[in-house]
Protein backbone atom coordinates (compact mmCIF):
# COMPACT_ATOMS: atom_id res chain seq x y z
CA MET A 1 160.88 110.37 122.37
CA ARG A 2 159.74 112.37 125.34
CA ILE A 3 157.87 114.51 123.06
CA LEU A 4 156.23 111.81 120.84
CA ARG A 5 154.94 110.04 124.34
CA ARG A 6 153.77 113.50 125.42
CA ILE A 7 151.85 113.58 122.01
CA LYS A 8 150.70 110.26 122.29
CA LYS A 9 149.12 110.55 125.93
CA LEU A 10 147.70 113.80 124.84
CA THR A 11 145.89 112.22 122.02
CA SER A 12 144.88 109.19 124.09
CA THR A 13 143.29 111.74 126.82
CA ILE A 14 141.50 113.58 124.19
CA GLN A 15 139.96 110.24 122.58
CA LEU A 16 139.08 109.20 125.87
CA GLN A 17 137.33 112.53 126.60
CA ASN A 18 135.30 112.38 123.15
CA GLN A 19 134.28 108.72 124.27
CA GLU A 20 132.74 109.93 127.42
CA LYS A 21 131.11 112.75 125.48
CA ILE A 22 129.48 110.02 123.31
CA HIS A 23 128.49 107.61 125.65
CA ASP A 24 127.16 110.06 128.85
CA PRO A 25 124.94 112.72 127.17
CA LYS A 26 124.60 116.04 129.44
CA GLY A 27 121.31 116.55 128.04
CA ASN A 28 121.12 120.08 126.58
CA ASP A 29 122.45 119.17 123.28
CA PRO A 30 119.76 120.26 120.88
CA LEU A 31 118.92 118.19 117.82
CA PHE A 32 120.46 118.93 113.99
CA ARG A 33 117.94 119.61 111.10
CA PHE A 34 119.21 116.70 109.20
CA LEU A 35 117.94 113.58 110.18
CA GLU A 36 121.24 111.82 109.37
CA GLU A 37 123.23 113.79 111.86
CA ASN A 38 120.73 113.08 114.49
CA PHE A 39 120.42 109.49 113.73
CA SER A 40 124.16 109.01 113.81
CA GLN A 41 124.34 110.78 116.98
CA VAL A 42 121.66 108.28 118.63
CA LYS A 43 123.26 105.19 117.09
CA LYS A 44 126.72 106.04 118.83
CA TYR A 45 125.12 105.93 122.25
CA PHE A 46 123.77 102.58 121.37
CA GLU A 47 126.55 100.87 119.71
CA GLY A 48 126.77 97.26 120.66
CA ALA A 49 123.25 97.07 121.88
CA SER A 50 121.40 94.12 119.68
CA ASP A 51 118.08 94.94 120.87
CA PHE A 52 118.36 98.65 119.27
CA ALA A 53 115.96 98.62 116.14
CA TYR A 54 115.31 101.42 114.01
CA ARG A 55 113.28 101.58 110.46
CA GLU A 56 113.37 104.46 108.04
CA ILE A 57 109.93 105.54 106.33
CA LYS A 58 109.64 107.94 103.36
CA ILE A 59 106.89 109.93 102.72
CA ASP A 60 106.98 110.62 98.68
CA SER A 61 110.67 111.45 98.03
CA ASP A 62 110.56 114.74 99.99
CA LEU A 63 110.42 113.53 103.81
CA ALA A 64 112.33 111.01 105.53
CA ILE A 65 111.34 109.61 109.05
CA MET A 66 113.14 107.45 111.17
CA ILE A 67 111.49 105.14 113.78
CA LEU A 68 113.84 104.05 116.93
CA TYR A 69 113.28 101.74 119.64
CA LEU A 70 114.42 98.71 121.74
CA ASP A 71 113.10 95.49 120.87
CA GLY A 72 111.33 94.06 123.64
CA LEU A 73 110.30 97.21 125.21
CA VAL A 74 107.60 98.04 122.85
CA ASN A 75 104.29 96.66 121.31
CA ILE A 76 105.47 96.03 118.03
CA GLU A 77 101.75 95.33 116.92
CA ARG A 78 100.61 98.65 118.07
CA ILE A 79 103.60 100.37 116.70
CA GLU A 80 102.70 98.79 113.49
CA LEU A 81 98.90 99.68 113.77
CA ASN A 82 99.21 103.13 115.20
CA VAL A 83 102.17 104.68 113.89
CA ILE A 84 103.76 103.15 110.74
CA ASN A 85 100.23 102.61 109.03
CA PRO A 86 99.34 106.37 109.39
CA LEU A 87 102.70 107.35 108.27
CA VAL A 88 102.63 105.31 105.16
CA LYS A 89 99.31 106.80 104.26
CA LEU A 90 100.58 110.40 104.50
CA ASN A 91 101.92 112.10 101.34
CA SER A 92 104.33 115.29 101.40
CA GLU A 93 101.72 117.71 99.49
CA SER A 94 99.18 117.11 102.14
CA LEU A 95 101.81 118.18 104.87
CA LYS A 96 102.75 121.30 102.85
CA THR A 97 99.31 122.48 103.36
CA HIS A 98 99.85 122.57 107.35
CA GLU A 99 102.18 125.31 109.15
CA SER A 100 103.81 122.71 111.13
CA THR A 101 104.68 119.44 109.90
CA ILE A 102 105.59 117.88 113.29
CA ASP A 103 101.99 119.08 114.72
CA SER A 104 100.27 117.60 111.64
CA ILE A 105 102.12 114.30 112.04
CA LYS A 106 101.48 114.01 115.56
CA ALA A 107 97.77 114.74 114.58
CA GLU A 108 97.44 111.68 112.25
CA LEU A 109 99.18 109.15 114.93
CA SER A 110 96.40 106.94 116.74
CA ALA A 111 98.71 106.12 119.59
CA ALA A 112 97.02 107.53 123.06
CA GLN A 113 100.27 109.69 124.08
CA VAL A 114 102.33 111.35 121.72
CA ASN A 115 104.97 113.98 122.79
CA LYS A 116 107.63 116.34 121.24
CA GLY A 117 111.24 116.83 122.20
CA ASP A 118 114.21 118.85 120.89
CA THR A 119 117.30 117.56 122.70
CA LEU A 120 119.32 114.53 122.38
CA GLN A 121 119.26 113.60 125.96
CA GLU A 122 115.42 113.30 125.77
CA ILE A 123 115.67 110.84 122.81
CA ILE A 124 118.25 108.64 124.82
CA ASN A 125 116.06 108.78 128.15
CA HIS A 126 112.49 107.83 126.16
CA ILE A 127 114.33 105.20 124.20
CA LEU A 128 115.63 103.74 127.70
CA SER A 129 112.06 103.90 128.85
CA GLY A 130 110.43 102.05 126.22
CA ASP A 131 109.13 104.63 124.18
CA THR A 132 109.19 104.97 120.36
CA VAL A 133 110.94 108.06 118.78
CA LEU A 134 110.42 109.40 115.64
CA LEU A 135 113.17 111.51 114.00
CA LEU A 136 112.21 113.77 111.18
CA ASP A 137 114.42 115.10 108.23
CA GLY A 138 114.70 118.86 108.20
CA PHE A 139 113.09 119.41 111.71
CA LYS A 140 114.97 120.06 115.15
CA GLN A 141 112.09 118.41 117.03
CA CYS A 142 110.89 114.78 117.39
CA LEU A 143 108.05 112.64 118.51
CA PHE A 144 107.90 110.49 121.54
CA ILE A 145 105.17 107.66 121.42
CA SER A 146 104.39 105.79 124.40
CA GLU A 147 103.50 102.34 123.17
CA GLN A 148 105.70 100.13 125.87
CA ALA A 149 104.66 96.58 126.22
CA TRP A 150 107.19 93.85 128.39
CA GLU A 151 106.51 90.97 130.14
CA LYS A 152 105.10 91.27 133.96
CA ARG A 153 104.07 89.11 136.60
CA ALA A 154 100.17 88.73 137.18
CA VAL A 155 98.62 90.11 140.12
CA GLU A 156 99.00 87.50 142.93
CA GLU A 157 98.52 87.16 146.59
CA PRO A 158 101.49 88.43 148.80
CA LEU A 159 103.36 85.43 149.93
CA SER A 160 105.15 87.28 152.93
CA GLU A 161 101.85 88.82 154.07
CA ALA A 162 99.13 86.16 154.07
CA VAL A 163 95.89 86.73 155.81
CA VAL A 164 92.52 85.00 156.32
CA LEU A 165 90.28 87.68 156.23
CA GLY A 166 90.92 90.72 153.65
CA PRO A 167 91.94 91.10 150.19
CA ARG A 168 93.91 88.53 148.17
CA GLU A 169 95.89 90.98 145.64
CA GLY A 170 99.40 92.00 146.11
CA PHE A 171 101.92 94.53 144.59
CA THR A 172 103.87 93.31 141.53
CA GLU A 173 107.13 94.61 139.73
CA ASN A 174 105.07 96.88 137.63
CA ILE A 175 105.09 100.22 139.08
CA ARG A 176 101.67 101.45 137.15
CA THR A 177 99.97 98.19 138.06
CA ASN A 178 100.80 99.26 141.91
CA THR A 179 99.62 102.54 141.38
CA SER A 180 96.55 101.42 139.72
CA MET A 181 95.79 99.25 142.87
CA ILE A 182 96.03 102.29 145.04
CA ARG A 183 94.19 104.69 142.85
CA ARG A 184 91.09 101.96 142.73
CA ARG A 185 90.82 102.12 146.42
CA LEU A 186 91.01 105.84 146.73
CA LYS A 187 88.75 107.58 144.24
CA THR A 188 89.74 111.02 145.19
CA THR A 189 91.69 113.91 143.54
CA LYS A 190 93.53 114.33 147.17
CA LEU A 191 95.53 111.36 146.10
CA LYS A 192 98.82 112.54 144.81
CA PHE A 193 101.66 110.70 143.10
CA GLU A 194 104.94 112.48 142.61
CA SER A 195 107.63 110.60 140.07
CA LEU A 196 111.27 111.12 140.47
CA LYS A 197 114.33 109.17 138.76
CA ILE A 198 117.05 107.57 141.00
CA GLY A 199 119.89 105.70 139.85
CA ASN A 200 122.60 107.23 137.32
CA LEU A 201 122.63 104.19 135.29
CA SER A 202 119.13 102.65 136.10
CA GLN A 203 117.03 105.43 136.15
CA THR A 204 114.62 103.85 138.25
CA GLU A 205 111.15 105.55 138.47
CA VAL A 206 110.38 106.15 142.34
CA ILE A 207 106.73 107.77 143.24
CA ILE A 208 105.94 109.25 146.35
CA THR A 209 102.02 109.01 147.19
CA TYR A 210 100.28 110.95 150.04
CA LEU A 211 97.10 112.21 150.61
CA ASP A 212 96.83 116.15 150.05
CA GLY A 213 95.56 117.53 153.20
CA ILE A 214 96.15 114.82 155.52
CA ALA A 215 99.78 114.19 155.34
CA GLN A 216 101.74 116.76 157.02
CA ASN A 217 103.94 119.10 154.47
CA SER A 218 107.03 118.48 156.51
CA ILE A 219 107.23 114.94 156.27
CA ILE A 220 106.24 115.18 152.54
CA LYS A 221 109.37 117.56 152.11
CA GLU A 222 111.53 115.48 154.19
CA VAL A 223 110.67 112.33 152.15
CA ARG A 224 111.45 114.43 148.80
CA SER A 225 114.67 115.55 150.23
CA ARG A 226 116.19 112.44 151.22
CA LEU A 227 115.13 110.92 147.77
CA ASN A 228 116.50 113.58 145.74
CA GLN A 229 120.06 113.23 147.86
CA ILE A 230 120.41 109.57 146.67
CA ASN A 231 123.44 109.15 144.43
CA ILE A 232 123.86 105.64 143.20
CA ASP A 233 124.63 103.85 140.07
CA ALA A 234 121.33 101.59 140.22
CA ILE A 235 118.39 100.90 142.30
CA GLU A 236 117.11 97.18 141.74
CA ASP A 237 114.49 97.17 144.88
CA SER A 238 113.03 99.11 147.29
CA GLY A 239 115.38 97.70 149.80
CA TYR A 240 118.07 99.73 148.45
CA ILE A 241 116.25 102.90 149.29
CA VAL A 242 115.61 101.78 152.91
CA GLU A 243 119.17 101.62 153.69
CA LEU A 244 119.89 105.08 152.33
CA ILE A 245 116.79 107.06 153.92
CA GLU A 246 116.33 105.64 157.33
CA ASP A 247 117.34 107.66 160.08
CA HIS A 248 119.03 105.00 162.02
CA PRO A 249 121.00 102.71 159.83
CA PHE A 250 122.92 100.83 162.17
CA SER A 251 119.63 100.05 164.30
CA VAL A 252 118.57 96.33 163.81
CA PHE A 253 114.72 97.77 164.32
CA PRO A 254 113.23 98.46 161.02
CA GLN A 255 112.39 102.29 160.65
CA ILE A 256 110.39 101.99 157.36
CA LEU A 257 107.54 99.48 156.79
CA GLN A 258 107.75 97.24 153.85
CA THR A 259 104.75 95.62 152.31
CA GLU A 260 103.23 93.95 149.46
CA ARG A 261 99.40 94.87 150.06
CA PRO A 262 98.03 97.81 148.47
CA ASP A 263 95.10 98.04 151.28
CA ARG A 264 97.79 98.16 153.95
CA VAL A 265 99.42 101.03 151.98
CA VAL A 266 95.98 102.76 151.66
CA GLY A 267 95.33 102.32 155.08
CA ASN A 268 98.61 104.21 156.20
CA LEU A 269 97.85 107.05 153.82
CA LEU A 270 94.55 107.70 155.42
CA GLU A 271 96.60 107.85 158.53
CA GLY A 272 98.53 110.73 157.11
CA ARG A 273 101.69 108.70 156.46
CA VAL A 274 103.63 108.96 153.01
CA GLY A 275 103.98 105.76 150.86
CA ILE A 276 107.26 105.38 148.43
CA ILE A 277 106.63 102.94 145.34
CA VAL A 278 109.57 101.63 143.35
CA GLU A 279 109.92 100.51 139.88
CA ASN A 280 110.85 96.86 139.54
CA SER A 281 109.69 96.05 143.10
CA PRO A 282 106.82 94.60 144.91
CA PHE A 283 107.40 96.12 147.98
CA ALA A 284 106.09 99.66 148.84
CA LEU A 285 107.80 101.55 151.72
CA ILE A 286 105.70 103.59 154.25
CA VAL A 287 106.88 106.26 156.39
CA PRO A 288 106.93 107.22 158.99
CA VAL A 289 106.37 104.44 161.54
CA THR A 290 106.41 103.29 165.01
CA PHE A 291 107.45 99.99 166.76
CA PHE A 292 103.95 99.25 167.31
CA GLN A 293 102.80 99.55 163.69
CA MET A 294 105.31 96.50 162.83
CA MET A 295 103.05 94.54 165.31
CA ILE A 296 99.94 95.30 163.37
CA SER A 297 98.57 92.93 160.82
CA PRO A 298 95.97 94.15 157.66
CA GLU A 299 93.75 91.46 158.89
CA ASP A 300 93.31 93.27 162.45
CA TYR A 301 90.90 95.48 160.77
CA TYR A 302 88.98 92.97 158.82
CA GLY A 303 87.68 91.00 161.62
CA LYS A 304 85.88 91.74 164.90
CA PHE A 305 87.70 94.02 167.23
CA ILE A 306 87.20 91.66 170.29
CA MET A 307 88.93 88.73 168.50
CA THR A 308 91.73 91.07 166.97
CA THR A 309 92.40 92.53 170.57
CA PHE A 310 92.88 88.96 171.86
CA ILE A 311 95.24 88.03 169.05
CA ARG A 312 97.29 91.42 169.57
CA PHE A 313 97.91 90.35 173.35
CA ILE A 314 98.97 87.07 172.26
CA ARG A 315 101.25 88.54 169.46
CA TYR A 316 103.08 90.90 172.35
CA LEU A 317 103.29 87.83 174.66
CA PHE A 318 105.14 85.62 172.12
CA LEU A 319 107.27 88.58 171.08
CA LEU A 320 108.57 87.98 174.78
CA VAL A 321 108.85 84.44 174.40
CA ALA A 322 110.98 84.82 170.89
CA LEU A 323 113.17 87.44 172.75
CA LEU A 324 113.75 85.97 176.28
CA PHE A 325 112.82 82.29 176.53
CA PRO A 326 116.48 80.75 175.58
CA SER A 327 118.06 83.19 177.86
CA ILE A 328 115.26 82.71 180.71
CA TYR A 329 116.08 78.90 180.42
CA ILE A 330 119.84 79.52 180.61
CA ALA A 331 119.69 81.59 183.40
CA VAL A 332 117.33 79.36 185.70
CA THR A 333 119.47 76.26 184.90
CA THR A 334 122.84 78.22 185.44
CA PHE A 335 122.15 80.71 188.36
CA HIS A 336 118.77 80.50 189.46
CA GLN A 337 117.64 76.79 189.96
CA GLU A 338 115.73 77.73 193.39
CA LEU A 339 113.08 79.10 191.01
CA LEU A 340 112.08 75.85 189.76
CA PRO A 341 109.27 73.51 191.49
CA THR A 342 111.50 70.55 193.01
CA ASN A 343 109.66 68.03 190.71
CA LEU A 344 110.59 69.93 187.34
CA LEU A 345 114.11 70.67 188.88
CA PHE A 346 114.83 66.82 189.02
CA SER A 347 113.47 66.57 185.54
CA VAL A 348 115.57 69.42 184.01
CA ALA A 349 118.80 67.83 186.04
CA ALA A 350 117.95 64.30 184.96
CA SER A 351 117.65 65.43 181.17
CA ARG A 352 121.10 67.42 181.42
CA GLU A 353 123.06 64.61 183.14
CA LYS A 354 124.48 63.33 180.05
CA VAL A 355 124.87 66.42 178.13
CA PRO A 356 128.76 67.41 177.97
CA PHE A 357 128.13 71.15 177.47
CA PRO A 358 126.76 74.13 179.83
CA ALA A 359 123.62 75.23 178.86
CA VAL A 360 124.74 78.51 177.06
CA ILE A 361 126.99 75.94 174.61
CA GLU A 362 123.92 73.73 174.38
CA ALA A 363 121.33 76.64 173.31
CA LEU A 364 123.71 78.12 171.18
CA LEU A 365 124.12 74.96 169.07
CA MET A 366 120.44 74.41 168.59
CA GLU A 367 119.82 78.14 167.76
CA ILE A 368 122.22 78.18 165.09
CA THR A 369 120.91 74.79 163.89
CA PHE A 370 117.24 76.27 163.83
CA GLU A 371 118.45 79.35 161.84
CA ALA A 372 120.30 77.02 159.31
CA LEU A 373 117.10 75.23 158.83
CA ARG A 374 115.04 77.94 158.43
CA GLU A 375 117.53 79.42 155.87
CA ALA A 376 117.52 75.97 154.00
CA GLY A 377 113.81 75.97 154.00
CA LEU A 378 113.63 79.24 152.27
CA ARG A 379 116.36 78.31 149.48
CA LEU A 380 115.01 75.20 148.64
CA PRO A 381 112.28 74.65 146.18
CA ARG A 382 108.83 75.49 147.55
CA PRO A 383 107.30 72.07 147.28
CA ILE A 384 110.28 70.55 149.45
CA GLY A 385 111.60 73.67 151.38
CA SER A 386 108.98 73.34 154.16
CA THR A 387 108.98 69.47 154.37
CA VAL A 388 112.79 69.69 154.72
CA SER A 389 112.73 72.42 157.55
CA ILE A 390 110.26 70.50 159.44
CA VAL A 391 111.42 67.14 158.97
CA GLY A 392 114.97 68.33 159.40
CA ALA A 393 114.02 69.86 162.71
CA LEU A 394 111.99 67.01 164.17
CA VAL A 395 115.13 64.43 163.20
CA VAL A 396 118.01 66.67 164.08
CA GLY A 397 116.33 67.32 167.54
CA GLN A 398 115.52 63.76 168.32
CA ALA A 399 118.96 62.53 167.22
CA ALA A 400 120.74 65.28 169.17
CA VAL A 401 118.92 64.21 172.27
CA GLU A 402 119.40 60.66 171.89
CA ALA A 403 122.95 61.20 171.41
CA GLY A 404 123.36 63.16 174.69
CA ILE A 405 124.44 66.34 172.92
CA VAL A 406 121.30 68.59 174.19
CA SER A 407 118.52 67.92 176.39
CA ALA A 408 114.88 67.62 175.67
CA PRO A 409 114.02 70.75 177.57
CA LEU A 410 116.02 72.61 175.42
CA VAL A 411 114.58 71.37 172.09
CA ILE A 412 111.23 72.24 173.39
CA VAL A 413 112.47 75.80 174.30
CA VAL A 414 114.09 76.32 170.82
CA ALA A 415 111.16 75.02 169.19
CA THR A 416 108.79 77.28 171.13
CA THR A 417 111.12 80.04 170.35
CA GLY A 418 110.96 79.55 166.57
CA ILE A 419 107.38 78.94 166.44
CA ALA A 420 107.01 82.48 168.27
CA SER A 421 109.19 84.10 165.84
CA PHE A 422 106.79 83.42 162.85
CA MET A 423 104.09 85.26 164.47
CA PHE A 424 105.14 88.72 163.61
CA PRO A 425 103.33 90.57 160.77
CA SER A 426 106.82 92.41 159.81
CA TYR A 427 109.47 89.99 158.46
CA PRO A 428 112.25 92.48 159.22
CA LEU A 429 111.22 92.79 162.78
CA THR A 430 111.57 89.10 163.06
CA GLY A 431 115.02 89.26 161.77
CA ALA A 432 115.92 92.28 164.60
CA ILE A 433 114.33 89.64 167.19
CA ARG A 434 116.23 87.20 166.21
CA LEU A 435 119.48 88.57 166.19
CA LEU A 436 118.73 90.33 169.64
CA ARG A 437 117.88 86.59 170.98
CA PHE A 438 121.39 85.79 170.90
CA LEU A 439 122.44 89.18 172.43
CA MET A 440 120.01 88.23 175.33
CA ILE A 441 121.61 84.73 175.58
CA PHE A 442 125.21 86.14 176.11
CA PHE A 443 123.69 88.31 178.90
CA ALA A 444 121.85 85.74 180.79
CA ALA A 445 125.20 83.41 180.66
CA THR A 446 127.38 85.82 182.18
CA LEU A 447 124.98 87.45 184.67
CA GLY A 448 121.84 85.46 184.91
CA PHE A 449 118.53 87.28 185.07
CA TYR A 450 120.44 90.49 186.17
CA GLY A 451 121.89 90.50 182.66
CA ILE A 452 118.56 89.82 181.09
CA PHE A 453 117.19 92.91 182.95
CA LEU A 454 120.24 94.88 181.84
CA GLY A 455 119.78 93.54 178.25
CA ILE A 456 116.04 94.80 178.34
CA PHE A 457 117.19 98.06 179.70
CA PHE A 458 119.46 98.58 176.85
CA ILE A 459 117.18 97.60 174.46
CA LEU A 460 114.19 100.04 175.49
CA VAL A 461 116.88 103.01 175.93
CA HIS A 462 117.59 102.21 172.21
CA LEU A 463 113.98 102.20 171.28
CA VAL A 464 113.07 105.28 172.93
CA GLN A 465 116.10 107.14 171.10
CA LEU A 466 114.72 105.92 167.57
CA ARG A 467 113.38 108.12 165.35
CA SER A 468 111.29 107.38 161.70
CA PHE A 469 111.35 110.61 159.93
CA GLY A 470 111.11 112.73 163.27
CA VAL A 471 108.26 110.61 164.96
CA PRO A 472 109.23 108.62 168.02
CA TYR A 473 109.80 105.18 167.28
CA LEU A 474 107.68 103.94 170.84
CA ALA A 475 104.95 106.66 169.92
CA PRO A 476 102.19 106.69 171.56
CA ILE A 477 103.65 105.13 174.70
CA ALA A 478 106.69 107.29 174.73
CA PRO A 479 105.85 110.13 174.57
CA PHE A 480 102.34 108.88 176.12
CA ASN A 481 99.53 109.93 174.02
CA PHE A 482 96.22 108.42 175.90
CA ASN A 483 94.01 109.11 172.80
CA ASN A 484 96.23 107.37 170.38
CA LEU A 485 96.20 104.32 172.38
CA LYS A 486 93.03 103.05 170.58
CA ASP A 487 95.15 100.83 168.06
CA VAL A 488 98.27 99.84 170.01
CA LEU A 489 97.87 97.15 172.53
CA VAL A 490 94.28 96.96 171.68
CA ARG A 491 91.90 97.52 168.54
CA ALA A 492 88.95 99.57 169.68
CA PRO A 493 85.82 99.34 167.49
CA TRP A 494 85.71 101.45 164.55
CA TRP A 495 83.02 103.92 165.84
CA LYS A 496 85.41 104.87 168.70
CA MET A 497 88.67 105.27 166.46
CA ASN A 498 87.19 108.75 165.13
CA GLU A 499 90.35 110.56 165.04
CA ARG A 500 93.95 109.73 163.00
CA PRO A 501 97.11 109.29 165.02
CA GLU A 502 98.39 112.80 166.16
CA GLN A 503 101.83 111.98 165.06
CA THR A 504 100.90 111.75 161.38
CA GLY A 505 97.56 113.00 161.01
CA LYS A 506 97.48 116.16 163.14
CA ARG A 507 96.86 118.25 159.98
CA ASN A 508 93.22 116.48 159.72
CA LEU A 509 92.70 114.43 162.68
CA LYS A 510 88.91 113.95 162.25
CA ARG A 511 88.03 110.61 160.01
CA LEU A 512 84.71 109.27 161.33
CA GLY A 513 81.50 110.85 161.59
CA LEU A 514 79.67 111.51 164.96
CA ARG A 515 76.50 109.38 163.75
CA ASN A 516 77.99 106.07 163.94
CA ARG A 517 76.43 103.54 166.58
CA LYS A 518 73.59 105.86 167.75
CA TYR A 519 71.28 103.30 167.30
């Protein structure tokens, strides 16, 4: 009995190994000479796949050709026109006059891109990528025909980065559409696209883009190295890559810029940065970045520099409001009432007279409620989402004040804080500020203004330590670089910004001629 069990176990192990060999090709298996053997091998990998389609065509009685593809990933009409019709018109006698049947068939096809292959893994990869494969009887080579076609979203205005001035087109989930929008803006051979596959099962195409001669080689090599080290089953969006390649994954601050706008990618490429475009994702990644880049909107470069500078000051002011306003309210009402003018102090005290909770509990209740309304507005259908969030905030706030649960001044504080948090051009930075706001509330509730200053100190120390692909996160403030301050807190006129940022563009600093504004 023991011997039988051992034999059965050994048999099941061998069968499992054979199945693994069948469903996980290792790429170097050469093709057979006979069509039936090659087709049977390919068919095993697509067993149970109802979208796997094939068709056999016989040229006279001497040559058989098998067409393989995945239904839904190819353009059937173009396959019929450019592949099947030319094959049907061929005959074996005309092929025998050629030295190579593969090359003669390749020459007869009308498709724009036709390549040759000779391994089983190549066949699997090309079929899964939407190509059509031609297997020929009697030859150890095959043909790959690119006639891909699948449903895709049209180019639309980006929802997460709306602007008043500037282009209205944004990236889509189609990677070729995205690269074409960048190529259209930079008509130069210095624009490079490096393609690689990431994901053991998804084989997602990821493209590294940069300007040769401007981007630093060290940054390009580092980006390439980090992407090649990723070992994961599937990449469904560029957000997967963000967590896998950023320098400090436990920091709440984003160290990689995510954008839907091709003009924003082009602007950063011109400053010596590197872009990462991911298949099936409308968000491109830009590295390296700094904190001040997260506060810059693409629209800043399309308007007058005076107005842009004013808006940037407002943006930084409301950054402090979004981070500190609730904690300042708690510190003043709990520890430092003497800082308020007498009339304002009496007004605040009267409004809080019926409130049964301390200021910190009151603030936490309102902040958490506001965050819930914000999330509800995002998840609801678009036509009613904004209405529900606004009406909900008004109704809940008014009812809470009338019921004596919260005070009226706190409703103003929370509403102003919520408005301030919508002013940041980078959504990940908005999330970081929202999270740190709760930390500052805790510091204010325990130590008052001393706690607020302590929290700010900890945040600044953390920011100074951060790096994005080797570039300091607070550059050019820390380390200080006076020449690069022209596009940080203020936006200097274009004729003054004649050099790229030194952290990313020092390989080729000059970007503007000397004859501008000489009239």
